[in-house]
Amino acid sequence: MVNDILSYAYTPRDPGLLTLSASLPEHAVVDDIVRASLMEAYRLRVELCTPDELEKACHIIDSQQVYGRETVQGVARRLGYYATVAGSYEEEAIYFERIRNTSREDILRVACTYLQPNNLSVVHLA
């Protein structure tokens, strides 16, 4: 249905944003893709993710942290991000500790709290 799809959580100290983004083939039916994407996201509100899904997500987040430290610019970018957006550069360690300690039940609870239709905005760029 899509060429690629990704999600991203922007989690500053103030209210954040969860995005789901996709690039579509030329003749894609946007409504069908939005519906399918929302069904998959909202599935997190009614069933626990699998242990493998949680492990994979944690590995992806950990690897992004490692890759972000491969250059001096990457280190500076991460320090700057956590200092300005999260409130302190020390927040990075706290963030990754929380990721490592996240349970499947935590994901279900948070999904039930925040993945609500009244929190949804849909944007389609052609």
PDB file of N, CA and C in Angstrom:
ATOM      1  N   MET A   1       0.810  -1.207   0.000  1.00  0.00           N
ATOM      2  CA  MET A   1       0.000   0.000   0.000  1.00  0.00           C
ATOM      3  C   MET A   1       0.850   1.267   0.000  1.00  0.00           C
ATOM      4  N   VAL A   2       2.041   1.211   0.607  1.00  0.00           N
ATOM      5  CA  VAL A   2       2.897   2.388   0.725  1.00  0.00           C
ATOM      6  C   VAL A   2       4.304   2.044   0.253  1.00  0.00           C
ATOM      7  N   ASN A   3       5.049   3.077  -0.104  1.00  0.00           N
ATOM      8  CA  ASN A   3       6.464   2.874  -0.432  1.00  0.00           C
ATOM      9  C   ASN A   3       7.282   2.691   0.834  1.00  0.00           C
ATOM     10  N   ASP A   4       6.985   3.500   1.835  1.00  0.00           N
ATOM     11  CA  ASP A   4       7.597   3.336   3.151  1.00  0.00           C
ATOM     12  C   ASP A   4       6.699   4.002   4.180  1.00  0.00           C
ATOM     13  N   ILE A   5       6.917   3.623   5.421  1.00  0.00           N
ATOM     14  CA  ILE A   5       6.113   4.165   6.513  1.00  0.00           C
ATOM     15  C   ILE A   5       6.994   4.234   7.750  1.00  0.00           C
ATOM     16  N   LEU A   6       6.783   5.262   8.570  1.00  0.00           N
ATOM     17  CA  LEU A   6       7.576   5.395   9.786  1.00  0.00           C
ATOM     18  C   LEU A   6       6.759   6.110  10.841  1.00  0.00           C
ATOM     19  N   SER A   7       7.193   5.968  12.054  1.00  0.00           N
ATOM     20  CA  SER A   7       6.597   6.739  13.138  1.00  0.00           C
ATOM     21  C   SER A   7       7.724   7.365  13.942  1.00  0.00           C
ATOM     22  N   TYR A   8       7.392   8.445  14.600  1.00  0.00           N
ATOM     23  CA  TYR A   8       8.382   9.190  15.365  1.00  0.00           C
ATOM     24  C   TYR A   8       7.687   9.819  16.564  1.00  0.00           C
ATOM     25  N   ALA A   9       8.294   9.732  17.709  1.00  0.00           N
ATOM     26  CA  ALA A   9       7.775  10.384  18.909  1.00  0.00           C
ATOM     27  C   ALA A   9       8.679  11.561  19.259  1.00  0.00           C
ATOM     28  N   TYR A  10       8.100  12.733  19.294  1.00  0.00           N
ATOM     29  CA  TYR A  10       8.793  13.940  19.742  1.00  0.00           C
ATOM     30  C   TYR A  10       8.361  14.152  21.184  1.00  0.00           C
ATOM     31  N   THR A  11       9.292  13.996  22.116  1.00  0.00           N
ATOM     32  CA  THR A  11       8.940  13.978  23.531  1.00  0.00           C
ATOM     33  C   THR A  11       9.719  15.018  24.325  1.00  0.00           C
ATOM     34  N   PRO A  12       9.384  16.296  24.158  1.00  0.00           N
ATOM     35  CA  PRO A  12      10.046  17.321  24.968  1.00  0.00           C
ATOM     36  C   PRO A  12       9.469  17.330  26.375  1.00  0.00           C
ATOM     37  N   ARG A  13       9.906  18.272  27.191  1.00  0.00           N
ATOM     38  CA  ARG A  13       9.343  18.331  28.551  1.00  0.00           C
ATOM     39  C   ARG A  13       7.899  18.831  28.521  1.00  0.00           C
ATOM     40  N   ASP A  14       7.530  19.577  27.491  1.00  0.00           N
ATOM     41  CA  ASP A  14       6.138  20.004  27.295  1.00  0.00           C
ATOM     42  C   ASP A  14       5.418  18.930  26.490  1.00  0.00           C
ATOM     43  N   PRO A  15       4.100  19.078  26.279  1.00  0.00           N
ATOM     44  CA  PRO A  15       3.395  18.061  25.491  1.00  0.00           C
ATOM     45  C   PRO A  15       4.096  17.792  24.161  1.00  0.00           C
ATOM     46  N   GLY A  16       4.092  16.550  23.774  1.00  0.00           N
ATOM     47  CA  GLY A  16       4.829  16.125  22.593  1.00  0.00           C
ATOM     48  C   GLY A  16       3.922  15.778  21.431  1.00  0.00           C
ATOM     49  N   LEU A  17       4.478  14.973  20.540  1.00  0.00           N
ATOM     50  CA  LEU A  17       3.794  14.649  19.303  1.00  0.00           C
ATOM     51  C   LEU A  17       4.234  13.271  18.840  1.00  0.00           C
ATOM     52  N   LEU A  18       3.279  12.461  18.447  1.00  0.00           N
ATOM     53  CA  LEU A  18       3.558  11.181  17.817  1.00  0.00           C
ATOM     54  C   LEU A  18       3.135  11.311  16.367  1.00  0.00           C
ATOM     55  N   THR A  19       4.054  11.062  15.461  1.00  0.00           N
ATOM     56  CA  THR A  19       3.720  11.169  14.048  1.00  0.00           C
ATOM     57  C   THR A  19       3.783   9.799  13.404  1.00  0.00           C
ATOM     58  N   LEU A  20       2.950   9.615  12.434  1.00  0.00           N
ATOM     59  CA  LEU A  20       2.956   8.445  11.575  1.00  0.00           C
ATOM     60  C   LEU A  20       2.993   9.008  10.169  1.00  0.00           C
ATOM     61  N   SER A  21       3.982   8.621   9.410  1.00  0.00           N
ATOM     62  CA  SER A  21       4.223   9.222   8.109  1.00  0.00           C
ATOM     63  C   SER A  21       4.462   8.127   7.075  1.00  0.00           C
ATOM     64  N   ALA A  22       3.984   8.369   5.857  1.00  0.00           N
ATOM     65  CA  ALA A  22       4.177   7.388   4.795  1.00  0.00           C
ATOM     66  C   ALA A  22       4.363   8.113   3.469  1.00  0.00           C
ATOM     67  N   SER A  23       5.146   7.516   2.603  1.00  0.00           N
ATOM     68  CA  SER A  23       5.196   7.979   1.218  1.00  0.00           C
ATOM     69  C   SER A  23       4.462   6.938   0.383  1.00  0.00           C
ATOM     70  N   LEU A  24       3.637   7.440  -0.530  1.00  0.00           N
ATOM     71  CA  LEU A  24       2.686   6.584  -1.223  1.00  0.00           C
ATOM     72  C   LEU A  24       3.022   6.428  -2.698  1.00  0.00           C
ATOM     73  N   PRO A  25       2.634   5.307  -3.274  1.00  0.00           N
ATOM     74  CA  PRO A  25       2.742   5.158  -4.720  1.00  0.00           C
ATOM     75  C   PRO A  25       1.837   6.190  -5.405  1.00  0.00           C
ATOM     76  N   GLU A  26       2.095   6.455  -6.634  1.00  0.00           N
ATOM     77  CA  GLU A  26       1.408   7.534  -7.350  1.00  0.00           C
ATOM     78  C   GLU A  26      -0.114   7.412  -7.323  1.00  0.00           C
ATOM     79  N   HIS A  27      -0.654   6.242  -7.485  1.00  0.00           N
ATOM     80  CA  HIS A  27      -2.111   6.090  -7.574  1.00  0.00           C
ATOM     81  C   HIS A  27      -2.714   5.468  -6.315  1.00  0.00           C
ATOM     82  N   ALA A  28      -2.096   5.708  -5.192  1.00  0.00           N
ATOM     83  CA  ALA A  28      -2.579   5.143  -3.930  1.00  0.00           C
ATOM     84  C   ALA A  28      -3.910   5.774  -3.531  1.00  0.00           C
ATOM     85  N   VAL A  29      -4.723   5.007  -2.844  1.00  0.00           N
ATOM     86  CA  VAL A  29      -5.995   5.504  -2.316  1.00  0.00           C
ATOM     87  C   VAL A  29      -5.721   5.961  -0.881  1.00  0.00           C
ATOM     88  N   VAL A  30      -5.624   7.256  -0.716  1.00  0.00           N
ATOM     89  CA  VAL A  30      -5.201   7.833   0.560  1.00  0.00           C
ATOM     90  C   VAL A  30      -6.116   7.409   1.697  1.00  0.00           C
ATOM     91  N   ASP A  31      -7.423   7.449   1.486  1.00  0.00           N
ATOM     92  CA  ASP A  31      -8.349   7.075   2.561  1.00  0.00           C
ATOM     93  C   ASP A  31      -8.107   5.651   3.045  1.00  0.00           C
ATOM     94  N   ASP A  32      -7.834   4.737   2.126  1.00  0.00           N
ATOM     95  CA  ASP A  32      -7.575   3.344   2.511  1.00  0.00           C
ATOM     96  C   ASP A  32      -6.297   3.236   3.338  1.00  0.00           C
ATOM     97  N   ILE A  33      -5.290   3.996   2.969  1.00  0.00           N
ATOM     98  CA  ILE A  33      -4.012   3.945   3.688  1.00  0.00           C
ATOM     99  C   ILE A  33      -4.151   4.566   5.071  1.00  0.00           C
ATOM    100  N   VAL A  34      -4.858   5.675   5.167  1.00  0.00           N
ATOM    101  CA  VAL A  34      -5.093   6.295   6.479  1.00  0.00           C
ATOM    102  C   VAL A  34      -5.866   5.319   7.370  1.00  0.00           C
ATOM    103  N   ARG A  35      -6.892   4.714   6.833  1.00  0.00           N
ATOM    104  CA  ARG A  35      -7.709   3.762   7.606  1.00  0.00           C
ATOM    105  C   ARG A  35      -6.853   2.589   8.095  1.00  0.00           C
ATOM    106  N   ALA A  36      -6.071   1.996   7.210  1.00  0.00           N
ATOM    107  CA  ALA A  36      -5.233   0.851   7.581  1.00  0.00           C
ATOM    108  C   ALA A  36      -4.172   1.258   8.605  1.00  0.00           C
ATOM    109  N   SER A  37      -3.594   2.427   8.433  1.00  0.00           N
ATOM    110  CA  SER A  37      -2.564   2.904   9.367  1.00  0.00           C
ATOM    111  C   SER A  37      -3.148   3.135  10.750  1.00  0.00           C
ATOM    112  N   LEU A  38      -4.329   3.745  10.789  1.00  0.00           N
ATOM    113  CA  LEU A  38      -4.972   3.987  12.084  1.00  0.00           C
ATOM    114  C   LEU A  38      -5.392   2.689  12.754  1.00  0.00           C
ATOM    115  N   MET A  39      -5.867   1.753  11.979  1.00  0.00           N
ATOM    116  CA  MET A  39      -6.233   0.461  12.563  1.00  0.00           C
ATOM    117  C   MET A  39      -5.027  -0.204  13.208  1.00  0.00           C
ATOM    118  N   GLU A  40      -3.883  -0.121  12.555  1.00  0.00           N
ATOM    119  CA  GLU A  40      -2.661  -0.720  13.111  1.00  0.00           C
ATOM    120  C   GLU A  40      -2.225   0.033  14.365  1.00  0.00           C
ATOM    121  N   ALA A  41      -2.251   1.361  14.317  1.00  0.00           N
ATOM    122  CA  ALA A  41      -1.856   2.141  15.494  1.00  0.00           C
ATOM    123  C   ALA A  41      -2.824   1.914  16.652  1.00  0.00           C
ATOM    124  N   TYR A  42      -4.119   1.933  16.373  1.00  0.00           N
ATOM    125  CA  TYR A  42      -5.117   1.759  17.422  1.00  0.00           C
ATOM    126  C   TYR A  42      -5.134   0.334  17.976  1.00  0.00           C
ATOM    127  N   ARG A  43      -4.555  -0.599  17.249  1.00  0.00           N
ATOM    128  CA  ARG A  43      -4.436  -1.970  17.764  1.00  0.00           C
ATOM    129  C   ARG A  43      -3.657  -1.976  19.083  1.00  0.00           C
ATOM    130  N   LEU A  44      -2.740  -1.013  19.235  1.00  0.00           N
ATOM    131  CA  LEU A  44      -1.963  -0.916  20.471  1.00  0.00           C
ATOM    132  C   LEU A  44      -2.831  -0.585  21.674  1.00  0.00           C
ATOM    133  N   ARG A  45      -4.056  -0.091  21.436  1.00  0.00           N
ATOM    134  CA  ARG A  45      -4.978   0.233  22.533  1.00  0.00           C
ATOM    135  C   ARG A  45      -5.735  -0.977  23.041  1.00  0.00           C
ATOM    136  N   VAL A  46      -5.756  -2.053  22.258  1.00  0.00           N
ATOM    137  CA  VAL A  46      -6.606  -3.189  22.637  1.00  0.00           C
ATOM    138  C   VAL A  46      -5.851  -4.495  22.817  1.00  0.00           C
ATOM    139  N   GLU A  47      -4.604  -4.548  22.373  1.00  0.00           N
ATOM    140  CA  GLU A  47      -3.831  -5.772  22.588  1.00  0.00           C
ATOM    141  C   GLU A  47      -2.378  -5.432  22.855  1.00  0.00           C
ATOM    142  N   LEU A  48      -1.769  -6.278  23.648  1.00  0.00           N
ATOM    143  CA  LEU A  48      -0.351  -6.088  23.963  1.00  0.00           C
ATOM    144  C   LEU A  48       0.486  -6.347  22.713  1.00  0.00           C
ATOM    145  N   CYS A  49       1.507  -5.515  22.532  1.00  0.00           N
ATOM    146  CA  CYS A  49       2.460  -5.830  21.472  1.00  0.00           C
ATOM    147  C   CYS A  49       3.175  -7.124  21.863  1.00  0.00           C
ATOM    148  N   THR A  50       3.775  -7.774  20.906  1.00  0.00           N
ATOM    149  CA  THR A  50       4.478  -9.013  21.226  1.00  0.00           C
ATOM    150  C   THR A  50       5.824  -8.684  21.879  1.00  0.00           C
ATOM    151  N   PRO A  51       6.371  -9.613  22.615  1.00  0.00           N
ATOM    152  CA  PRO A  51       7.713  -9.383  23.165  1.00  0.00           C
ATOM    153  C   PRO A  51       8.735  -9.086  22.061  1.00  0.00           C
ATOM    154  N   ASP A  52       8.612  -9.753  20.915  1.00  0.00           N
ATOM    155  CA  ASP A  52       9.543  -9.505  19.811  1.00  0.00           C
ATOM    156  C   ASP A  52       9.409  -8.083  19.269  1.00  0.00           C
ATOM    157  N   GLU A  53       8.164  -7.576  19.166  1.00  0.00           N
ATOM    158  CA  GLU A  53       7.957  -6.213  18.692  1.00  0.00           C
ATOM    159  C   GLU A  53       8.594  -5.207  19.638  1.00  0.00           C
ATOM    160  N   LEU A  54       8.413  -5.409  20.931  1.00  0.00           N
ATOM    161  CA  LEU A  54       8.995  -4.508  21.920  1.00  0.00           C
ATOM    162  C   LEU A  54      10.513  -4.563  21.867  1.00  0.00           C
ATOM    163  N   GLU A  55      11.066  -5.765  21.784  1.00  0.00           N
ATOM    164  CA  GLU A  55      12.514  -5.917  21.713  1.00  0.00           C
ATOM    165  C   GLU A  55      13.073  -5.241  20.458  1.00  0.00           C
ATOM    166  N   LYS A  56      12.413  -5.426  19.346  1.00  0.00           N
ATOM    167  CA  LYS A  56      12.864  -4.813  18.095  1.00  0.00           C
ATOM    168  C   LYS A  56      12.832  -3.289  18.196  1.00  0.00           C
ATOM    169  N   ALA A  57      11.757  -2.733  18.754  1.00  0.00           N
ATOM    170  CA  ALA A  57      11.661  -1.283  18.909  1.00  0.00           C
ATOM    171  C   ALA A  57      12.785  -0.753  19.801  1.00  0.00           C
ATOM    172  N   CYS A  58      13.056  -1.447  20.888  1.00  0.00           N
ATOM    173  CA  CYS A  58      14.139  -1.025  21.786  1.00  0.00           C
ATOM    174  C   CYS A  58      15.493  -1.075  21.080  1.00  0.00           C
ATOM    175  N   HIS A  59      15.723  -2.105  20.286  1.00  0.00           N
ATOM    176  CA  HIS A  59      16.985  -2.207  19.538  1.00  0.00           C
ATOM    177  C   HIS A  59      17.121  -1.077  18.521  1.00  0.00           C
ATOM    178  N   ILE A  60      16.040  -0.737  17.866  1.00  0.00           N
ATOM    179  CA  ILE A  60      16.080   0.360  16.894  1.00  0.00           C
ATOM    180  C   ILE A  60      16.429   1.665  17.594  1.00  0.00           C
ATOM    181  N   ILE A  61      15.792   1.937  18.715  1.00  0.00           N
ATOM    182  CA  ILE A  61      16.062   3.170  19.459  1.00  0.00           C
ATOM    183  C   ILE A  61      17.498   3.185  19.963  1.00  0.00           C
ATOM    184  N   ASP A  62      17.969   2.062  20.499  1.00  0.00           N
ATOM    185  CA  ASP A  62      19.361   1.981  20.958  1.00  0.00           C
ATOM    186  C   ASP A  62      20.341   2.198  19.811  1.00  0.00           C
ATOM    187  N   SER A  63      20.068   1.600  18.661  1.00  0.00           N
ATOM    188  CA  SER A  63      20.997   1.746  17.535  1.00  0.00           C
ATOM    189  C   SER A  63      21.015   3.182  17.026  1.00  0.00           C
ATOM    190  N   GLN A  64      19.880   3.875  17.065  1.00  0.00           N
ATOM    191  CA  GLN A  64      19.858   5.284  16.661  1.00  0.00           C
ATOM    192  C   GLN A  64      20.740   6.109  17.592  1.00  0.00           C
ATOM    193  N   GLN A  65      20.741   5.763  18.870  1.00  0.00           N
ATOM    194  CA  GLN A  65      21.588   6.474  19.820  1.00  0.00           C
ATOM    195  C   GLN A  65      23.061   6.242  19.486  1.00  0.00           C
ATOM    196  N   VAL A  66      23.420   5.014  19.186  1.00  0.00           N
ATOM    197  CA  VAL A  66      24.812   4.693  18.854  1.00  0.00           C
ATOM    198  C   VAL A  66      25.232   5.411  17.570  1.00  0.00           C
ATOM    199  N   TYR A  67      24.404   5.339  16.530  1.00  0.00           N
ATOM    200  CA  TYR A  67      24.738   5.994  15.268  1.00  0.00           C
ATOM    201  C   TYR A  67      24.837   7.510  15.432  1.00  0.00           C
ATOM    202  N   GLY A  68      24.038   8.060  16.322  1.00  0.00           N
ATOM    203  CA  GLY A  68      24.083   9.497  16.564  1.00  0.00           C
ATOM    204  C   GLY A  68      25.353   9.965  17.234  1.00  0.00           C
ATOM    205  N   ARG A  69      26.148   9.042  17.726  1.00  0.00           N
ATOM    206  CA  ARG A  69      27.400   9.395  18.405  1.00  0.00           C
ATOM    207  C   ARG A  69      28.636   9.083  17.567  1.00  0.00           C
ATOM    208  N   GLU A  70      28.426   8.763  16.295  1.00  0.00           N
ATOM    209  CA  GLU A  70      29.564   8.409  15.448  1.00  0.00           C
ATOM    210  C   GLU A  70      30.409   9.604  15.040  1.00  0.00           C
ATOM    211  N   THR A  71      29.832  10.794  15.078  1.00  0.00           N
ATOM    212  CA  THR A  71      30.580  11.986  14.699  1.00  0.00           C
ATOM    213  C   THR A  71      30.499  13.023  15.819  1.00  0.00           C
ATOM    214  N   VAL A  72      31.405  13.968  15.792  1.00  0.00           N
ATOM    215  CA  VAL A  72      31.371  15.063  16.762  1.00  0.00           C
ATOM    216  C   VAL A  72      30.083  15.861  16.585  1.00  0.00           C
ATOM    217  N   GLN A  73      29.680  16.054  15.326  1.00  0.00           N
ATOM    218  CA  GLN A  73      28.435  16.777  15.066  1.00  0.00           C
ATOM    219  C   GLN A  73      27.233  16.028  15.652  1.00  0.00           C
ATOM    220  N   GLY A  74      27.240  14.712  15.543  1.00  0.00           N
ATOM    221  CA  GLY A  74      26.161  13.921  16.102  1.00  0.00           C
ATOM    222  C   GLY A  74      26.090  14.041  17.613  1.00  0.00           C
ATOM    223  N   VAL A  75      27.236  14.017  18.261  1.00  0.00           N
ATOM    224  CA  VAL A  75      27.279  14.168  19.720  1.00  0.00           C
ATOM    225  C   VAL A  75      26.779  15.558  20.110  1.00  0.00           C
ATOM    226  N   ALA A  76      27.248  16.573  19.406  1.00  0.00           N
ATOM    227  CA  ALA A  76      26.825  17.946  19.695  1.00  0.00           C
ATOM    228  C   ALA A  76      25.322  18.105  19.475  1.00  0.00           C
ATOM    229  N   ARG A  77      24.812  17.512  18.410  1.00  0.00           N
ATOM    230  CA  ARG A  77      23.381  17.601  18.112  1.00  0.00           C
ATOM    231  C   ARG A  77      22.558  16.974  19.243  1.00  0.00           C
ATOM    232  N   ARG A  78      22.987  15.810  19.711  1.00  0.00           N
ATOM    233  CA  ARG A  78      22.234  15.132  20.773  1.00  0.00           C
ATOM    234  C   ARG A  78      22.317  15.913  22.090  1.00  0.00           C
ATOM    235  N   LEU A  79      23.499  16.401  22.426  1.00  0.00           N
ATOM    236  CA  LEU A  79      23.636  17.195  23.650  1.00  0.00           C
ATOM    237  C   LEU A  79      22.763  18.443  23.570  1.00  0.00           C
ATOM    238  N   GLY A  80      22.802  19.116  22.433  1.00  0.00           N
ATOM    239  CA  GLY A  80      21.987  20.314  22.251  1.00  0.00           C
ATOM    240  C   GLY A  80      20.505  20.018  22.323  1.00  0.00           C
ATOM    241  N   TYR A  81      20.102  18.927  21.699  1.00  0.00           N
ATOM    242  CA  TYR A  81      18.693  18.538  21.704  1.00  0.00           C
ATOM    243  C   TYR A  81      18.207  18.320  23.129  1.00  0.00           C
ATOM    244  N   TYR A  82      18.914  17.494  23.879  1.00  0.00           N
ATOM    245  CA  TYR A  82      18.460  17.185  25.236  1.00  0.00           C
ATOM    246  C   TYR A  82      18.558  18.404  26.146  1.00  0.00           C
ATOM    247  N   ALA A  83      19.551  19.253  25.953  1.00  0.00           N
ATOM    248  CA  ALA A  83      19.672  20.450  26.781  1.00  0.00           C
ATOM    249  C   ALA A  83      18.536  21.433  26.510  1.00  0.00           C
ATOM    250  N   THR A  84      18.148  21.599  25.249  1.00  0.00           N
ATOM    251  CA  THR A  84      17.131  22.595  24.926  1.00  0.00           C
ATOM    252  C   THR A  84      15.707  22.044  24.958  1.00  0.00           C
ATOM    253  N   VAL A  85      15.510  20.852  24.477  1.00  0.00           N
ATOM    254  CA  VAL A  85      14.156  20.317  24.348  1.00  0.00           C
ATOM    255  C   VAL A  85      13.724  19.566  25.607  1.00  0.00           C
ATOM    256  N   ALA A  86      14.609  18.780  26.160  1.00  0.00           N
ATOM    257  CA  ALA A  86      14.251  17.970  27.327  1.00  0.00           C
ATOM    258  C   ALA A  86      14.579  18.665  28.647  1.00  0.00           C
ATOM    259  N   GLY A  87      15.354  19.730  28.596  1.00  0.00           N
ATOM    260  CA  GLY A  87      15.641  20.487  29.803  1.00  0.00           C
ATOM    261  C   GLY A  87      17.039  20.326  30.347  1.00  0.00           C
ATOM    262  N   SER A  88      17.726  19.246  29.984  1.00  0.00           N
ATOM    263  CA  SER A  88      19.075  19.007  30.478  1.00  0.00           C
ATOM    264  C   SER A  88      19.712  17.891  29.662  1.00  0.00           C
ATOM    265  N   TYR A  89      21.000  17.983  29.432  1.00  0.00           N
ATOM    266  CA  TYR A  89      21.672  16.917  28.683  1.00  0.00           C
ATOM    267  C   TYR A  89      21.627  15.591  29.433  1.00  0.00           C
ATOM    268  N   GLU A  90      21.433  15.645  30.778  1.00  0.00           N
ATOM    269  CA  GLU A  90      21.337  14.414  31.558  1.00  0.00           C
ATOM    270  C   GLU A  90      20.046  13.634  31.264  1.00  0.00           C
ATOM    271  N   GLU A  91      19.073  14.296  30.665  1.00  0.00           N
ATOM    272  CA  GLU A  91      17.803  13.639  30.345  1.00  0.00           C
ATOM    273  C   GLU A  91      17.983  12.509  29.343  1.00  0.00           C
ATOM    274  N   GLU A  92      19.026  12.549  28.545  1.00  0.00           N
ATOM    275  CA  GLU A  92      19.250  11.477  27.573  1.00  0.00           C
ATOM    276  C   GLU A  92      19.398  10.128  28.267  1.00  0.00           C
ATOM    277  N   ALA A  93      20.206  10.072  29.298  1.00  0.00           N
ATOM    278  CA  ALA A  93      20.404   8.814  30.020  1.00  0.00           C
ATOM    279  C   ALA A  93      19.097   8.355  30.667  1.00  0.00           C
ATOM    280  N   ILE A  94      18.340   9.292  31.208  1.00  0.00           N
ATOM    281  CA  ILE A  94      17.054   8.956  31.826  1.00  0.00           C
ATOM    282  C   ILE A  94      16.089   8.419  30.773  1.00  0.00           C
ATOM    283  N   TYR A  95      16.056   9.064  29.617  1.00  0.00           N
ATOM    284  CA  TYR A  95      15.179   8.642  28.529  1.00  0.00           C
ATOM    285  C   TYR A  95      15.476   7.201  28.114  1.00  0.00           C
ATOM    286  N   PHE A  96      16.744   6.888  27.891  1.00  0.00           N
ATOM    287  CA  PHE A  96      17.094   5.545  27.436  1.00  0.00           C
ATOM    288  C   PHE A  96      16.899   4.494  28.535  1.00  0.00           C
ATOM    289  N   GLU A  97      17.050   4.891  29.773  1.00  0.00           N
ATOM    290  CA  GLU A  97      16.742   3.969  30.868  1.00  0.00           C
ATOM    291  C   GLU A  97      15.250   3.663  30.887  1.00  0.00           C
ATOM    292  N   ARG A  98      14.430   4.678  30.667  1.00  0.00           N
ATOM    293  CA  ARG A  98      12.979   4.456  30.611  1.00  0.00           C
ATOM    294  C   ARG A  98      12.606   3.557  29.432  1.00  0.00           C
ATOM    295  N   ILE A  99      13.254   3.749  28.304  1.00  0.00           N
ATOM    296  CA  ILE A  99      12.994   2.895  27.137  1.00  0.00           C
ATOM    297  C   ILE A  99      13.303   1.441  27.495  1.00  0.00           C
ATOM    298  N   ARG A 100      14.453   1.215  28.099  1.00  0.00           N
ATOM    299  CA  ARG A 100      14.855  -0.154  28.465  1.00  0.00           C
ATOM    300  C   ARG A 100      13.893  -0.790  29.467  1.00  0.00           C
ATOM    301  N   ASN A 101      13.241   0.020  30.284  1.00  0.00           N
ATOM    302  CA  ASN A 101      12.346  -0.500  31.314  1.00  0.00           C
ATOM    303  C   ASN A 101      10.870  -0.483  30.905  1.00  0.00           C
ATOM    304  N   THR A 102      10.585  -0.106  29.677  1.00  0.00           N
ATOM    305  CA  THR A 102       9.199  -0.061  29.212  1.00  0.00           C
ATOM    306  C   THR A 102       8.661  -1.471  29.052  1.00  0.00           C
ATOM    307  N   SER A 103       7.468  -1.680  29.558  1.00  0.00           N
ATOM    308  CA  SER A 103       6.824  -2.992  29.445  1.00  0.00           C
ATOM    309  C   SER A 103       5.747  -2.941  28.371  1.00  0.00           C
ATOM    310  N   ARG A 104       5.307  -4.094  27.986  1.00  0.00           N
ATOM    311  CA  ARG A 104       4.206  -4.189  27.025  1.00  0.00           C
ATOM    312  C   ARG A 104       2.954  -3.551  27.610  1.00  0.00           C
ATOM    313  N   GLU A 105       2.755  -3.712  28.906  1.00  0.00           N
ATOM    314  CA  GLU A 105       1.602  -3.113  29.574  1.00  0.00           C
ATOM    315  C   GLU A 105       1.695  -1.586  29.589  1.00  0.00           C
ATOM    316  N   ASP A 106       2.917  -1.061  29.715  1.00  0.00           N
ATOM    317  CA  ASP A 106       3.107   0.397  29.639  1.00  0.00           C
ATOM    318  C   ASP A 106       2.643   0.922  28.286  1.00  0.00           C
ATOM    319  N   ILE A 107       2.992   0.210  27.226  1.00  0.00           N
ATOM    320  CA  ILE A 107       2.614   0.644  25.881  1.00  0.00           C
ATOM    321  C   ILE A 107       1.099   0.628  25.731  1.00  0.00           C
ATOM    322  N   LEU A 108       0.456  -0.407  26.214  1.00  0.00           N
ATOM    323  CA  LEU A 108      -1.004  -0.490  26.159  1.00  0.00           C
ATOM    324  C   LEU A 108      -1.640   0.671  26.932  1.00  0.00           C
ATOM    325  N   ARG A 109      -1.150   0.941  28.118  1.00  0.00           N
ATOM    326  CA  ARG A 109      -1.695   2.022  28.958  1.00  0.00           C
ATOM    327  C   ARG A 109      -1.535   3.379  28.283  1.00  0.00           C
ATOM    328  N   VAL A 110      -0.345   3.645  27.761  1.00  0.00           N
ATOM    329  CA  VAL A 110      -0.088   4.930  27.108  1.00  0.00           C
ATOM    330  C   VAL A 110      -0.892   5.052  25.816  1.00  0.00           C
ATOM    331  N   ALA A 111      -0.988   3.973  25.060  1.00  0.00           N
ATOM    332  CA  ALA A 111      -1.791   3.998  23.836  1.00  0.00           C
ATOM    333  C   ALA A 111      -3.248   4.297  24.150  1.00  0.00           C
ATOM    334  N   CYS A 112      -3.776   3.694  25.199  1.00  0.00           N
ATOM    335  CA  CYS A 112      -5.170   3.957  25.587  1.00  0.00           C
ATOM    336  C   CYS A 112      -5.364   5.413  25.997  1.00  0.00           C
ATOM    337  N   THR A 113      -4.348   6.005  26.598  1.00  0.00           N
ATOM    338  CA  THR A 113      -4.440   7.386  27.054  1.00  0.00           C
ATOM    339  C   THR A 113      -4.341   8.372  25.887  1.00  0.00           C
ATOM    340  N   TYR A 114      -3.398   8.169  24.983  1.00  0.00           N
ATOM    341  CA  TYR A 114      -3.087   9.193  23.984  1.00  0.00           C
ATOM    342  C   TYR A 114      -3.565   8.894  22.571  1.00  0.00           C
ATOM    343  N   LEU A 115      -3.710   7.649  22.200  1.00  0.00           N
ATOM    344  CA  LEU A 115      -4.162   7.336  20.843  1.00  0.00           C
ATOM    345  C   LEU A 115      -5.687   7.385  20.809  1.00  0.00           C
ATOM    346  N   GLN A 116      -6.191   8.582  20.814  1.00  0.00           N
ATOM    347  CA  GLN A 116      -7.625   8.848  20.831  1.00  0.00           C
ATOM    348  C   GLN A 116      -8.002   9.635  19.581  1.00  0.00           C
ATOM    349  N   PRO A 117      -9.145   9.341  18.993  1.00  0.00           N
ATOM    350  CA  PRO A 117      -9.559  10.073  17.792  1.00  0.00           C
ATOM    351  C   PRO A 117      -9.577  11.586  17.960  1.00  0.00           C
ATOM    352  N   ASN A 118      -9.903  12.082  19.154  1.00  0.00           N
ATOM    353  CA  ASN A 118      -9.943  13.532  19.354  1.00  0.00           C
ATOM    354  C   ASN A 118      -8.539  14.151  19.430  1.00  0.00           C
ATOM    355  N   ASN A 119      -7.504  13.331  19.493  1.00  0.00           N
ATOM    356  CA  ASN A 119      -6.122  13.822  19.470  1.00  0.00           C
ATOM    357  C   ASN A 119      -5.517  13.745  18.084  1.00  0.00           C
ATOM    358  N   LEU A 120      -6.283  13.325  17.092  1.00  0.00           N
ATOM    359  CA  LEU A 120      -5.764  13.007  15.783  1.00  0.00           C
ATOM    360  C   LEU A 120      -5.840  14.187  14.823  1.00  0.00           C
ATOM    361  N   SER A 121      -4.770  14.387  14.091  1.00  0.00           N
ATOM    362  CA  SER A 121      -4.758  15.307  12.950  1.00  0.00           C
ATOM    363  C   SER A 121      -4.211  14.526  11.771  1.00  0.00           C
ATOM    364  N   VAL A 122      -4.862  14.667  10.626  1.00  0.00           N
ATOM    365  CA  VAL A 122      -4.414  13.999   9.415  1.00  0.00           C
ATOM    366  C   VAL A 122      -4.040  15.066   8.400  1.00  0.00           C
ATOM    367  N   VAL A 123      -2.862  14.924   7.832  1.00  0.00           N
ATOM    368  CA  VAL A 123      -2.386  15.848   6.806  1.00  0.00           C
ATOM    369  C   VAL A 123      -1.991  15.023   5.598  1.00  0.00           C
ATOM    370  N   HIS A 124      -2.437  15.463   4.421  1.00  0.00           N
ATOM    371  CA  HIS A 124      -2.090  14.804   3.175  1.00  0.00           C
ATOM    372  C   HIS A 124      -1.441  15.830   2.265  1.00  0.00           C
ATOM    373  N   LEU A 125      -0.191  15.598   1.937  1.00  0.00           N
ATOM    374  CA  LEU A 125       0.518  16.477   1.013  1.00  0.00           C
ATOM    375  C   LEU A 125       0.627  15.786  -0.326  1.00  0.00           C
ATOM    376  N   ALA A 126       0.181  16.428  -1.368  1.00  0.00           N
ATOM    377  CA  ALA A 126       0.226  15.823  -2.698  1.00  0.00           C
ATOM    378  C   ALA A 126       1.394  16.369  -3.490  1.00  0.00           C
TER     379      ALA A 126
END
